[in-house]
Amino acid sequence: MEQVIDTALGVIATEGYEALTMRRLAGALDTGPASLYAHVVNKSDLDELLIGRLCAELVLPEPDPAAWQEQIRGVCAQLRDQYLKYPGISRAALAMAPTDRETLRVGEGLLAVLLAGGIAPQAAAWAVDALLLYVAAYCLEVSIARRRAAHDDAWVLDRDELQRRLTALPAATFPHTIRHAAELTAGEGHERFDFTLGVMVGGLVGR
């Protein structure tokens, strides 16, 4: 099983998640699809194993009521970095009802930190779902943008070009967009990710 997961992650790392099919994986393992199904039930089963492997790499903190917000952001940043090693893999985490113990371990860890921070159980439970959804969606968008930039849509990551297009809009219809084009396109690295996590986590305070 470990060889199956290792090989699948290797395919994703070099070719992207969309290239991973059961047939492609069987070829990489130099076996037939029928042999592969002796190890995994189907693609959904494989997806859960892959996400579980990435979650197994995360270090979960001992809940600290005085630092719970920083702890939540730290775990989410770890998961983000794991996802981005394998372009598009976070798609596998979307709409997943996890049963893998490593994936559930991460949810348990986040829930423990939120509860330690005084967040009510219902709010904490939904917050875990929202945080994991945001991390997966963010990483998927980054992967898509990087893939486009590597081909014929390089401008999607070109801030100057994006600002030029925004400021060229009709002023009567888009006055705020034109005026704040710099703010709309601002952000280096994962600054937007950090901002959004801060808004999400900060919004839990007092609930």
N, C-alpha and C. Protein backbone atom coordinates (compact mmCIF):
# COMPACT_ATOMS: atom_id res chain seq x y z
N MET A 1 0.82 -1.21 0.00
CA MET A 1 0.00 0.00 0.00
C MET A 1 0.86 1.27 0.00
N GLU A 2 1.94 1.25 0.80
CA GLU A 2 2.80 2.43 0.86
C GLU A 2 3.40 2.74 -0.50
N GLN A 3 3.74 1.71 -1.25
CA GLN A 3 4.30 1.92 -2.58
C GLN A 3 3.27 2.54 -3.52
N VAL A 4 2.02 2.13 -3.38
CA VAL A 4 0.94 2.70 -4.19
C VAL A 4 0.81 4.19 -3.91
N ILE A 5 0.79 4.56 -2.63
CA ILE A 5 0.65 5.96 -2.25
C ILE A 5 1.86 6.77 -2.70
N ASP A 6 3.05 6.24 -2.47
CA ASP A 6 4.28 6.93 -2.88
C ASP A 6 4.28 7.19 -4.38
N THR A 7 3.89 6.19 -5.14
CA THR A 7 3.89 6.32 -6.60
C THR A 7 2.85 7.33 -7.06
N ALA A 8 1.68 7.28 -6.45
CA ALA A 8 0.62 8.23 -6.80
C ALA A 8 1.06 9.66 -6.52
N LEU A 9 1.69 9.88 -5.38
CA LEU A 9 2.18 11.23 -5.05
C LEU A 9 3.27 11.65 -6.02
N GLY A 10 4.08 10.70 -6.47
CA GLY A 10 5.12 11.02 -7.45
C GLY A 10 4.53 11.48 -8.77
N VAL A 11 3.46 10.82 -9.19
CA VAL A 11 2.78 11.22 -10.43
C VAL A 11 2.23 12.64 -10.28
N ILE A 12 1.59 12.91 -9.15
CA ILE A 12 1.00 14.23 -8.92
C ILE A 12 2.07 15.30 -8.86
N ALA A 13 3.18 15.02 -8.19
CA ALA A 13 4.25 16.01 -8.05
C ALA A 13 4.82 16.43 -9.40
N THR A 14 4.88 15.50 -10.35
CA THR A 14 5.49 15.81 -11.64
C THR A 14 4.47 16.19 -12.72
N GLU A 15 3.26 15.64 -12.62
CA GLU A 15 2.27 15.85 -13.68
C GLU A 15 1.00 16.55 -13.23
N GLY A 16 0.80 16.69 -11.93
CA GLY A 16 -0.41 17.31 -11.42
C GLY A 16 -1.48 16.28 -11.09
N TYR A 17 -2.39 16.67 -10.20
CA TYR A 17 -3.43 15.76 -9.74
C TYR A 17 -4.33 15.27 -10.87
N GLU A 18 -4.63 16.14 -11.82
CA GLU A 18 -5.55 15.76 -12.89
C GLU A 18 -4.99 14.61 -13.74
N ALA A 19 -3.68 14.43 -13.72
CA ALA A 19 -3.07 13.35 -14.50
C ALA A 19 -3.21 11.99 -13.81
N LEU A 20 -3.57 12.01 -12.53
CA LEU A 20 -3.63 10.76 -11.78
C LEU A 20 -4.95 10.04 -12.02
N THR A 21 -4.89 8.95 -12.75
CA THR A 21 -6.02 8.05 -12.92
C THR A 21 -5.57 6.67 -12.46
N MET A 22 -6.52 5.79 -12.28
CA MET A 22 -6.16 4.43 -11.87
C MET A 22 -5.30 3.78 -12.94
N ARG A 23 -5.60 4.04 -14.20
CA ARG A 23 -4.81 3.46 -15.29
C ARG A 23 -3.40 4.04 -15.30
N ARG A 24 -3.28 5.36 -15.10
CA ARG A 24 -1.96 6.00 -15.08
C ARG A 24 -1.14 5.48 -13.91
N LEU A 25 -1.78 5.30 -12.77
CA LEU A 25 -1.07 4.79 -11.60
C LEU A 25 -0.63 3.36 -11.81
N ALA A 26 -1.50 2.55 -12.41
CA ALA A 26 -1.14 1.16 -12.68
C ALA A 26 0.07 1.09 -13.60
N GLY A 27 0.10 1.98 -14.60
CA GLY A 27 1.24 2.03 -15.51
C GLY A 27 2.53 2.41 -14.79
N ALA A 28 2.43 3.37 -13.87
CA ALA A 28 3.61 3.81 -13.13
C ALA A 28 4.12 2.70 -12.20
N LEU A 29 3.21 1.84 -11.78
CA LEU A 29 3.58 0.72 -10.92
C LEU A 29 3.96 -0.52 -11.73
N ASP A 30 3.84 -0.38 -13.05
CA ASP A 30 4.15 -1.49 -13.96
C ASP A 30 3.29 -2.71 -13.65
N THR A 31 2.00 -2.44 -13.48
CA THR A 31 1.04 -3.51 -13.25
C THR A 31 -0.24 -3.17 -13.98
N GLY A 32 -1.23 -4.01 -13.90
CA GLY A 32 -2.51 -3.76 -14.55
C GLY A 32 -3.49 -3.16 -13.58
N PRO A 33 -4.52 -2.45 -14.10
CA PRO A 33 -5.54 -1.86 -13.22
C PRO A 33 -6.19 -2.88 -12.30
N ALA A 34 -6.38 -4.10 -12.78
CA ALA A 34 -7.02 -5.13 -11.95
C ALA A 34 -6.18 -5.42 -10.71
N SER A 35 -4.86 -5.44 -10.86
CA SER A 35 -3.99 -5.68 -9.71
C SER A 35 -4.05 -4.52 -8.73
N LEU A 36 -4.20 -3.31 -9.25
CA LEU A 36 -4.26 -2.13 -8.40
C LEU A 36 -5.49 -2.17 -7.50
N TYR A 37 -6.60 -2.67 -8.04
CA TYR A 37 -7.84 -2.72 -7.26
C TYR A 37 -7.76 -3.72 -6.10
N ALA A 38 -6.72 -4.49 -6.05
CA ALA A 38 -6.52 -5.36 -4.89
C ALA A 38 -6.04 -4.56 -3.68
N HIS A 39 -5.55 -3.33 -3.95
CA HIS A 39 -5.03 -2.48 -2.88
C HIS A 39 -5.97 -1.33 -2.53
N VAL A 40 -6.65 -0.77 -3.53
CA VAL A 40 -7.58 0.34 -3.30
C VAL A 40 -8.91 0.01 -3.96
N VAL A 41 -10.00 0.45 -3.36
CA VAL A 41 -11.33 0.13 -3.87
C VAL A 41 -11.61 0.87 -5.16
N ASN A 42 -11.31 2.17 -5.18
CA ASN A 42 -11.56 3.01 -6.34
C ASN A 42 -10.77 4.31 -6.18
N LYS A 43 -11.00 5.25 -7.09
CA LYS A 43 -10.25 6.51 -7.05
C LYS A 43 -10.56 7.30 -5.77
N SER A 44 -11.80 7.26 -5.32
CA SER A 44 -12.15 7.97 -4.08
C SER A 44 -11.40 7.41 -2.89
N ASP A 45 -11.26 6.10 -2.87
CA ASP A 45 -10.50 5.46 -1.80
C ASP A 45 -9.04 5.90 -1.86
N LEU A 46 -8.49 5.96 -3.06
CA LEU A 46 -7.12 6.42 -3.24
C LEU A 46 -6.97 7.87 -2.79
N ASP A 47 -7.93 8.70 -3.15
CA ASP A 47 -7.89 10.11 -2.75
C ASP A 47 -7.79 10.24 -1.23
N GLU A 48 -8.59 9.47 -0.52
CA GLU A 48 -8.57 9.57 0.93
C GLU A 48 -7.24 9.11 1.50
N LEU A 49 -6.66 8.09 0.91
CA LEU A 49 -5.35 7.63 1.36
C LEU A 49 -4.28 8.69 1.13
N LEU A 50 -4.38 9.39 0.00
CA LEU A 50 -3.41 10.44 -0.31
C LEU A 50 -3.51 11.60 0.68
N ILE A 51 -4.72 12.06 0.93
CA ILE A 51 -4.91 13.15 1.87
C ILE A 51 -4.48 12.72 3.27
N GLY A 52 -4.77 11.47 3.60
CA GLY A 52 -4.34 10.95 4.89
C GLY A 52 -2.83 10.96 5.04
N ARG A 53 -2.12 10.60 3.97
CA ARG A 53 -0.66 10.63 4.01
C ARG A 53 -0.15 12.04 4.28
N LEU A 54 -0.73 13.03 3.61
CA LEU A 54 -0.28 14.41 3.81
C LEU A 54 -0.61 14.88 5.23
N CYS A 55 -1.77 14.49 5.72
CA CYS A 55 -2.15 14.89 7.08
C CYS A 55 -1.23 14.25 8.12
N ALA A 56 -0.71 13.09 7.81
CA ALA A 56 0.18 12.41 8.75
C ALA A 56 1.45 13.20 9.00
N GLU A 57 1.80 14.11 8.08
CA GLU A 57 3.02 14.90 8.21
C GLU A 57 2.82 16.12 9.11
N LEU A 58 1.58 16.43 9.44
CA LEU A 58 1.31 17.63 10.24
C LEU A 58 1.62 17.40 11.71
N VAL A 59 2.24 18.40 12.32
CA VAL A 59 2.53 18.37 13.76
C VAL A 59 1.45 19.19 14.46
N LEU A 60 0.68 18.54 15.31
CA LEU A 60 -0.41 19.22 16.00
C LEU A 60 0.06 19.70 17.37
N PRO A 61 -0.28 20.93 17.73
CA PRO A 61 0.19 21.48 19.00
C PRO A 61 -0.65 21.01 20.18
N GLU A 62 -0.07 21.08 21.36
CA GLU A 62 -0.83 20.89 22.58
C GLU A 62 -1.69 22.14 22.78
N PRO A 63 -3.01 22.01 22.84
CA PRO A 63 -3.87 23.20 22.93
C PRO A 63 -3.46 24.16 24.03
N ASP A 64 -3.33 25.42 23.65
CA ASP A 64 -2.93 26.47 24.58
C ASP A 64 -3.96 27.59 24.51
N PRO A 65 -4.78 27.77 25.54
CA PRO A 65 -5.83 28.80 25.52
C PRO A 65 -5.29 30.21 25.24
N ALA A 66 -4.03 30.45 25.60
CA ALA A 66 -3.46 31.78 25.41
C ALA A 66 -2.94 31.99 23.99
N ALA A 67 -2.80 30.92 23.23
CA ALA A 67 -2.22 31.06 21.89
C ALA A 67 -3.02 30.29 20.85
N TRP A 68 -4.31 30.09 21.10
CA TRP A 68 -5.10 29.22 20.23
C TRP A 68 -5.21 29.75 18.80
N GLN A 69 -5.29 31.07 18.63
CA GLN A 69 -5.41 31.61 17.28
C GLN A 69 -4.14 31.34 16.46
N GLU A 70 -2.99 31.55 17.08
CA GLU A 70 -1.73 31.29 16.40
C GLU A 70 -1.60 29.79 16.08
N GLN A 71 -2.07 28.95 16.99
CA GLN A 71 -1.99 27.51 16.77
C GLN A 71 -2.85 27.07 15.59
N ILE A 72 -4.05 27.63 15.49
CA ILE A 72 -4.92 27.29 14.37
C ILE A 72 -4.28 27.71 13.05
N ARG A 73 -3.74 28.93 13.03
CA ARG A 73 -3.11 29.41 11.79
C ARG A 73 -1.89 28.55 11.45
N GLY A 74 -1.17 28.10 12.46
CA GLY A 74 0.02 27.28 12.22
C GLY A 74 -0.33 25.94 11.59
N VAL A 75 -1.37 25.28 12.09
CA VAL A 75 -1.78 24.00 11.52
C VAL A 75 -2.26 24.19 10.08
N CYS A 76 -3.03 25.23 9.85
CA CYS A 76 -3.54 25.49 8.50
C CYS A 76 -2.39 25.78 7.53
N ALA A 77 -1.38 26.49 7.99
CA ALA A 77 -0.22 26.78 7.15
C ALA A 77 0.55 25.50 6.82
N GLN A 78 0.65 24.60 7.77
CA GLN A 78 1.31 23.32 7.51
C GLN A 78 0.56 22.54 6.43
N LEU A 79 -0.77 22.50 6.55
CA LEU A 79 -1.58 21.77 5.57
C LEU A 79 -1.46 22.42 4.20
N ARG A 80 -1.47 23.75 4.17
CA ARG A 80 -1.29 24.48 2.91
C ARG A 80 0.02 24.07 2.23
N ASP A 81 1.08 24.04 2.99
CA ASP A 81 2.38 23.71 2.41
C ASP A 81 2.42 22.27 1.91
N GLN A 82 1.75 21.37 2.60
CA GLN A 82 1.68 19.98 2.13
C GLN A 82 0.92 19.89 0.81
N TYR A 83 -0.22 20.55 0.73
CA TYR A 83 -1.01 20.52 -0.49
C TYR A 83 -0.23 21.09 -1.68
N LEU A 84 0.48 22.17 -1.46
CA LEU A 84 1.14 22.85 -2.57
C LEU A 84 2.35 22.09 -3.10
N LYS A 85 2.81 21.07 -2.37
CA LYS A 85 3.88 20.22 -2.90
C LYS A 85 3.38 19.36 -4.04
N TYR A 86 2.07 19.15 -4.08
CA TYR A 86 1.47 18.24 -5.07
C TYR A 86 0.34 18.98 -5.79
N PRO A 87 0.66 19.59 -6.94
CA PRO A 87 -0.27 20.49 -7.63
C PRO A 87 -1.67 19.90 -7.84
N GLY A 88 -2.65 20.58 -7.27
CA GLY A 88 -4.04 20.21 -7.48
C GLY A 88 -4.57 19.15 -6.54
N ILE A 89 -3.73 18.60 -5.66
CA ILE A 89 -4.17 17.48 -4.83
C ILE A 89 -5.27 17.87 -3.85
N SER A 90 -5.36 19.15 -3.51
CA SER A 90 -6.39 19.54 -2.55
C SER A 90 -7.80 19.34 -3.11
N ARG A 91 -7.92 19.18 -4.44
CA ARG A 91 -9.22 18.85 -5.03
C ARG A 91 -9.75 17.55 -4.42
N ALA A 92 -8.84 16.63 -4.08
CA ALA A 92 -9.24 15.34 -3.51
C ALA A 92 -9.87 15.50 -2.13
N ALA A 93 -9.56 16.61 -1.45
CA ALA A 93 -10.09 16.83 -0.10
C ALA A 93 -11.47 17.46 -0.12
N LEU A 94 -11.89 18.01 -1.25
CA LEU A 94 -13.18 18.69 -1.34
C LEU A 94 -14.31 17.67 -1.39
N ALA A 95 -15.37 17.95 -0.66
CA ALA A 95 -16.55 17.08 -0.61
C ALA A 95 -16.22 15.69 -0.07
N MET A 96 -15.15 15.60 0.68
CA MET A 96 -14.76 14.31 1.26
C MET A 96 -15.33 14.19 2.67
N ALA A 97 -15.94 13.04 2.96
CA ALA A 97 -16.34 12.72 4.33
C ALA A 97 -15.27 11.78 4.87
N PRO A 98 -14.28 12.31 5.57
CA PRO A 98 -13.09 11.52 5.90
C PRO A 98 -13.35 10.39 6.89
N THR A 99 -12.70 9.26 6.64
CA THR A 99 -12.69 8.15 7.59
C THR A 99 -11.26 7.74 7.92
N ASP A 100 -10.29 8.26 7.12
CA ASP A 100 -8.89 7.97 7.39
C ASP A 100 -8.49 8.56 8.74
N ARG A 101 -7.80 7.77 9.54
CA ARG A 101 -7.48 8.22 10.89
C ARG A 101 -6.57 9.43 10.93
N GLU A 102 -5.66 9.56 9.98
CA GLU A 102 -4.76 10.71 9.98
C GLU A 102 -5.51 11.99 9.64
N THR A 103 -6.44 11.90 8.72
CA THR A 103 -7.27 13.06 8.38
C THR A 103 -8.14 13.44 9.57
N LEU A 104 -8.73 12.44 10.21
CA LEU A 104 -9.56 12.69 11.39
C LEU A 104 -8.71 13.24 12.54
N ARG A 105 -7.45 12.83 12.61
CA ARG A 105 -6.54 13.33 13.65
C ARG A 105 -6.36 14.84 13.54
N VAL A 106 -6.26 15.34 12.32
CA VAL A 106 -6.11 16.78 12.12
C VAL A 106 -7.37 17.51 12.55
N GLY A 107 -8.53 16.97 12.17
CA GLY A 107 -9.78 17.58 12.60
C GLY A 107 -9.92 17.59 14.11
N GLU A 108 -9.53 16.48 14.74
CA GLU A 108 -9.55 16.39 16.20
C GLU A 108 -8.62 17.43 16.82
N GLY A 109 -7.44 17.60 16.24
CA GLY A 109 -6.48 18.56 16.77
C GLY A 109 -6.98 19.99 16.67
N LEU A 110 -7.56 20.33 15.53
CA LEU A 110 -8.10 21.68 15.36
C LEU A 110 -9.26 21.92 16.32
N LEU A 111 -10.12 20.92 16.45
CA LEU A 111 -11.26 21.05 17.35
C LEU A 111 -10.79 21.25 18.79
N ALA A 112 -9.78 20.51 19.18
CA ALA A 112 -9.26 20.64 20.55
C ALA A 112 -8.72 22.04 20.81
N VAL A 113 -8.03 22.60 19.83
CA VAL A 113 -7.46 23.95 20.00
C VAL A 113 -8.58 24.98 20.11
N LEU A 114 -9.59 24.86 19.26
CA LEU A 114 -10.70 25.82 19.30
C LEU A 114 -11.46 25.74 20.61
N LEU A 115 -11.72 24.53 21.08
CA LEU A 115 -12.43 24.37 22.35
C LEU A 115 -11.61 24.94 23.50
N ALA A 116 -10.30 24.73 23.45
CA ALA A 116 -9.42 25.28 24.48
C ALA A 116 -9.44 26.80 24.47
N GLY A 117 -9.69 27.36 23.29
CA GLY A 117 -9.76 28.81 23.17
C GLY A 117 -11.09 29.40 23.59
N GLY A 118 -12.00 28.54 24.06
CA GLY A 118 -13.28 29.02 24.56
C GLY A 118 -14.37 29.11 23.51
N ILE A 119 -14.14 28.55 22.34
CA ILE A 119 -15.15 28.58 21.29
C ILE A 119 -16.21 27.51 21.58
N ALA A 120 -17.46 27.88 21.44
CA ALA A 120 -18.56 26.95 21.70
C ALA A 120 -18.47 25.75 20.77
N PRO A 121 -18.87 24.56 21.23
CA PRO A 121 -18.73 23.35 20.43
C PRO A 121 -19.30 23.43 19.02
N GLN A 122 -20.51 23.97 18.86
CA GLN A 122 -21.09 24.03 17.52
C GLN A 122 -20.29 24.95 16.61
N ALA A 123 -19.93 26.12 17.13
CA ALA A 123 -19.12 27.05 16.34
C ALA A 123 -17.77 26.45 16.01
N ALA A 124 -17.17 25.75 16.96
CA ALA A 124 -15.86 25.13 16.74
C ALA A 124 -15.95 24.06 15.68
N ALA A 125 -17.00 23.24 15.73
CA ALA A 125 -17.16 22.17 14.76
C ALA A 125 -17.30 22.71 13.35
N TRP A 126 -18.12 23.72 13.18
CA TRP A 126 -18.30 24.31 11.85
C TRP A 126 -17.05 25.07 11.41
N ALA A 127 -16.35 25.65 12.37
CA ALA A 127 -15.12 26.38 12.03
C ALA A 127 -14.06 25.43 11.48
N VAL A 128 -13.94 24.24 12.04
CA VAL A 128 -12.99 23.26 11.53
C VAL A 128 -13.30 22.96 10.06
N ASP A 129 -14.56 22.73 9.76
CA ASP A 129 -14.98 22.45 8.39
C ASP A 129 -14.64 23.63 7.47
N ALA A 130 -14.96 24.84 7.93
CA ALA A 130 -14.72 26.03 7.10
C ALA A 130 -13.24 26.26 6.87
N LEU A 131 -12.43 26.06 7.88
CA LEU A 131 -10.98 26.27 7.76
C LEU A 131 -10.37 25.27 6.78
N LEU A 132 -10.73 24.01 6.91
CA LEU A 132 -10.20 22.99 6.00
C LEU A 132 -10.67 23.22 4.57
N LEU A 133 -11.91 23.68 4.42
CA LEU A 133 -12.43 23.99 3.09
C LEU A 133 -11.66 25.15 2.47
N TYR A 134 -11.40 26.19 3.27
CA TYR A 134 -10.67 27.33 2.74
C TYR A 134 -9.25 26.95 2.33
N VAL A 135 -8.56 26.19 3.16
CA VAL A 135 -7.19 25.79 2.83
C VAL A 135 -7.18 25.00 1.52
N ALA A 136 -8.10 24.06 1.37
CA ALA A 136 -8.16 23.24 0.15
C ALA A 136 -8.46 24.11 -1.07
N ALA A 137 -9.42 25.02 -0.94
CA ALA A 137 -9.80 25.87 -2.06
C ALA A 137 -8.66 26.82 -2.44
N TYR A 138 -8.01 27.39 -1.45
CA TYR A 138 -6.89 28.29 -1.70
C TYR A 138 -5.79 27.58 -2.48
N CYS A 139 -5.44 26.38 -2.02
CA CYS A 139 -4.36 25.64 -2.66
C CYS A 139 -4.74 25.20 -4.07
N LEU A 140 -6.00 24.86 -4.26
CA LEU A 140 -6.44 24.49 -5.61
C LEU A 140 -6.33 25.68 -6.55
N GLU A 141 -6.75 26.86 -6.09
CA GLU A 141 -6.66 28.05 -6.93
C GLU A 141 -5.20 28.38 -7.26
N VAL A 142 -4.32 28.28 -6.27
CA VAL A 142 -2.90 28.54 -6.51
C VAL A 142 -2.35 27.57 -7.54
N SER A 143 -2.70 26.31 -7.43
CA SER A 143 -2.22 25.31 -8.38
C SER A 143 -2.71 25.57 -9.79
N ILE A 144 -3.98 25.95 -9.91
CA ILE A 144 -4.54 26.26 -11.23
C ILE A 144 -3.85 27.48 -11.83
N ALA A 145 -3.65 28.51 -11.02
CA ALA A 145 -3.00 29.73 -11.51
C ALA A 145 -1.57 29.45 -11.96
N ARG A 146 -0.85 28.64 -11.20
CA ARG A 146 0.53 28.31 -11.57
C ARG A 146 0.57 27.51 -12.87
N ARG A 147 -0.38 26.61 -13.04
CA ARG A 147 -0.41 25.81 -14.27
C ARG A 147 -0.70 26.71 -15.48
N ARG A 148 -1.64 27.63 -15.32
CA ARG A 148 -1.95 28.55 -16.42
C ARG A 148 -0.77 29.44 -16.75
N ALA A 149 -0.09 29.89 -15.69
CA ALA A 149 1.06 30.76 -15.91
C ALA A 149 2.18 30.04 -16.64
N ALA A 150 2.25 28.73 -16.46
CA ALA A 150 3.30 27.95 -17.11
C ALA A 150 3.00 27.71 -18.59
N HIS A 151 1.78 28.04 -19.00
CA HIS A 151 1.40 27.82 -20.39
C HIS A 151 1.14 29.16 -21.08
N ASP A 152 -0.05 29.37 -21.59
CA ASP A 152 -0.26 30.57 -22.41
C ASP A 152 -1.01 31.67 -21.69
N ASP A 153 -1.25 31.52 -20.39
CA ASP A 153 -1.98 32.55 -19.65
C ASP A 153 -1.09 33.15 -18.56
N ALA A 154 0.13 33.48 -18.91
CA ALA A 154 1.10 33.95 -17.92
C ALA A 154 0.64 35.21 -17.21
N TRP A 155 -0.22 36.00 -17.81
CA TRP A 155 -0.61 37.27 -17.22
C TRP A 155 -1.39 37.09 -15.91
N VAL A 156 -1.93 35.89 -15.64
CA VAL A 156 -2.73 35.71 -14.43
C VAL A 156 -1.91 35.94 -13.17
N LEU A 157 -0.61 35.81 -13.26
CA LEU A 157 0.25 36.07 -12.11
C LEU A 157 1.08 37.33 -12.29
N ASP A 158 0.73 38.13 -13.30
CA ASP A 158 1.45 39.37 -13.58
C ASP A 158 0.65 40.53 -13.01
N ARG A 159 1.10 41.06 -11.86
CA ARG A 159 0.34 42.11 -11.17
C ARG A 159 0.23 43.37 -12.01
N ASP A 160 1.31 43.76 -12.68
CA ASP A 160 1.27 44.97 -13.48
C ASP A 160 0.24 44.86 -14.60
N GLU A 161 0.18 43.70 -15.25
CA GLU A 161 -0.78 43.51 -16.32
C GLU A 161 -2.21 43.52 -15.79
N LEU A 162 -2.41 42.92 -14.64
CA LEU A 162 -3.74 42.90 -14.04
C LEU A 162 -4.18 44.31 -13.66
N GLN A 163 -3.27 45.08 -13.09
CA GLN A 163 -3.60 46.48 -12.76
C GLN A 163 -3.92 47.27 -14.02
N ARG A 164 -3.17 47.02 -15.08
CA ARG A 164 -3.43 47.74 -16.33
C ARG A 164 -4.83 47.44 -16.84
N ARG A 165 -5.23 46.20 -16.76
CA ARG A 165 -6.56 45.83 -17.24
C ARG A 165 -7.65 46.44 -16.37
N LEU A 166 -7.41 46.49 -15.07
CA LEU A 166 -8.41 47.06 -14.17
C LEU A 166 -8.55 48.57 -14.38
N THR A 167 -7.42 49.25 -14.50
CA THR A 167 -7.48 50.71 -14.66
C THR A 167 -7.95 51.13 -16.04
N ALA A 168 -8.03 50.19 -16.97
CA ALA A 168 -8.54 50.49 -18.31
C ALA A 168 -10.06 50.34 -18.40
N LEU A 169 -10.68 49.94 -17.32
CA LEU A 169 -12.14 49.77 -17.31
C LEU A 169 -12.83 51.13 -17.40
N PRO A 170 -14.11 51.18 -17.82
CA PRO A 170 -14.84 52.45 -17.89
C PRO A 170 -14.98 53.08 -16.51
N ALA A 171 -14.53 54.29 -16.35
CA ALA A 171 -14.50 54.95 -15.05
C ALA A 171 -15.89 55.16 -14.46
N ALA A 172 -16.87 55.39 -15.31
CA ALA A 172 -18.22 55.64 -14.81
C ALA A 172 -18.83 54.39 -14.18
N THR A 173 -18.42 53.25 -14.64
CA THR A 173 -18.99 51.98 -14.15
C THR A 173 -18.16 51.36 -13.03
N PHE A 174 -16.85 51.58 -13.07
CA PHE A 174 -15.95 50.92 -12.11
C PHE A 174 -15.07 51.93 -11.38
N PRO A 175 -15.64 52.97 -10.77
CA PRO A 175 -14.79 53.99 -10.13
C PRO A 175 -13.95 53.45 -8.98
N HIS A 176 -14.52 52.59 -8.16
CA HIS A 176 -13.79 52.07 -7.00
C HIS A 176 -12.73 51.05 -7.42
N THR A 177 -13.06 50.25 -8.40
CA THR A 177 -12.09 49.27 -8.89
C THR A 177 -10.86 49.97 -9.45
N ILE A 178 -11.08 51.03 -10.22
CA ILE A 178 -9.96 51.77 -10.81
C ILE A 178 -9.14 52.47 -9.73
N ARG A 179 -9.85 53.11 -8.80
CA ARG A 179 -9.16 53.86 -7.76
C ARG A 179 -8.31 52.96 -6.86
N HIS A 180 -8.81 51.75 -6.61
CA HIS A 180 -8.13 50.86 -5.68
C HIS A 180 -7.54 49.63 -6.37
N ALA A 181 -7.13 49.81 -7.60
CA ALA A 181 -6.53 48.70 -8.35
C ALA A 181 -5.29 48.16 -7.66
N ALA A 182 -4.52 49.04 -7.06
CA ALA A 182 -3.30 48.61 -6.37
C ALA A 182 -3.64 47.73 -5.17
N GLU A 183 -4.66 48.15 -4.41
CA GLU A 183 -5.06 47.35 -3.25
C GLU A 183 -5.66 46.01 -3.68
N LEU A 184 -6.43 46.01 -4.75
CA LEU A 184 -7.07 44.79 -5.22
C LEU A 184 -6.05 43.75 -5.70
N THR A 185 -4.92 44.22 -6.16
CA THR A 185 -3.91 43.30 -6.69
C THR A 185 -2.71 43.12 -5.76
N ALA A 186 -2.79 43.69 -4.57
CA ALA A 186 -1.66 43.65 -3.63
C ALA A 186 -1.52 42.26 -3.00
N GLY A 187 -0.34 42.02 -2.45
CA GLY A 187 -0.10 40.79 -1.70
C GLY A 187 1.06 39.99 -2.24
N GLU A 188 1.96 39.65 -1.35
CA GLU A 188 3.12 38.83 -1.72
C GLU A 188 3.01 37.48 -1.04
N GLY A 189 3.50 36.46 -1.69
CA GLY A 189 3.52 35.13 -1.08
C GLY A 189 2.14 34.71 -0.63
N HIS A 190 2.03 34.38 0.65
CA HIS A 190 0.77 33.90 1.20
C HIS A 190 0.10 34.96 2.09
N GLU A 191 0.33 36.23 1.79
CA GLU A 191 -0.25 37.30 2.61
C GLU A 191 -1.77 37.26 2.60
N ARG A 192 -2.36 36.98 1.45
CA ARG A 192 -3.83 36.92 1.38
C ARG A 192 -4.35 35.73 2.18
N PHE A 193 -3.63 34.63 2.12
CA PHE A 193 -4.00 33.45 2.90
C PHE A 193 -3.99 33.79 4.39
N ASP A 194 -2.92 34.42 4.84
CA ASP A 194 -2.80 34.78 6.25
C ASP A 194 -3.90 35.77 6.66
N PHE A 195 -4.20 36.72 5.77
CA PHE A 195 -5.25 37.70 6.07
C PHE A 195 -6.59 37.01 6.26
N THR A 196 -6.94 36.12 5.32
CA THR A 196 -8.23 35.46 5.39
C THR A 196 -8.35 34.56 6.60
N LEU A 197 -7.29 33.83 6.93
CA LEU A 197 -7.32 33.02 8.14
C LEU A 197 -7.52 33.89 9.37
N GLY A 198 -6.84 35.05 9.38
CA GLY A 198 -7.01 35.96 10.51
C GLY A 198 -8.44 36.43 10.66
N VAL A 199 -9.09 36.73 9.54
CA VAL A 199 -10.49 37.16 9.57
C VAL A 199 -11.37 36.02 10.07
N MET A 200 -11.14 34.82 9.57
CA MET A 200 -11.96 33.69 9.97
C MET A 200 -11.81 33.35 11.44
N VAL A 201 -10.56 33.27 11.88
CA VAL A 201 -10.30 32.90 13.27
C VAL A 201 -10.73 34.03 14.21
N GLY A 202 -10.42 35.27 13.83
CA GLY A 202 -10.80 36.40 14.66
C GLY A 202 -12.31 36.52 14.80
N GLY A 203 -13.03 36.11 13.76
CA GLY A 203 -14.49 36.21 13.81
C GLY A 203 -15.12 35.24 14.79
N LEU A 204 -14.35 34.27 15.26
CA LEU A 204 -14.88 33.31 16.23
C LEU A 204 -14.88 33.88 17.65
N VAL A 205 -14.05 34.88 17.87
CA VAL A 205 -13.94 35.45 19.21
C VAL A 205 -15.27 36.04 19.63
N GLY A 206 -15.74 35.65 20.80
CA GLY A 206 -16.99 36.19 21.33
C GLY A 206 -18.22 35.43 20.93
N ARG A 207 -18.05 34.39 20.07
CA ARG A 207 -19.21 33.61 19.68
C ARG A 207 -19.58 32.64 20.80
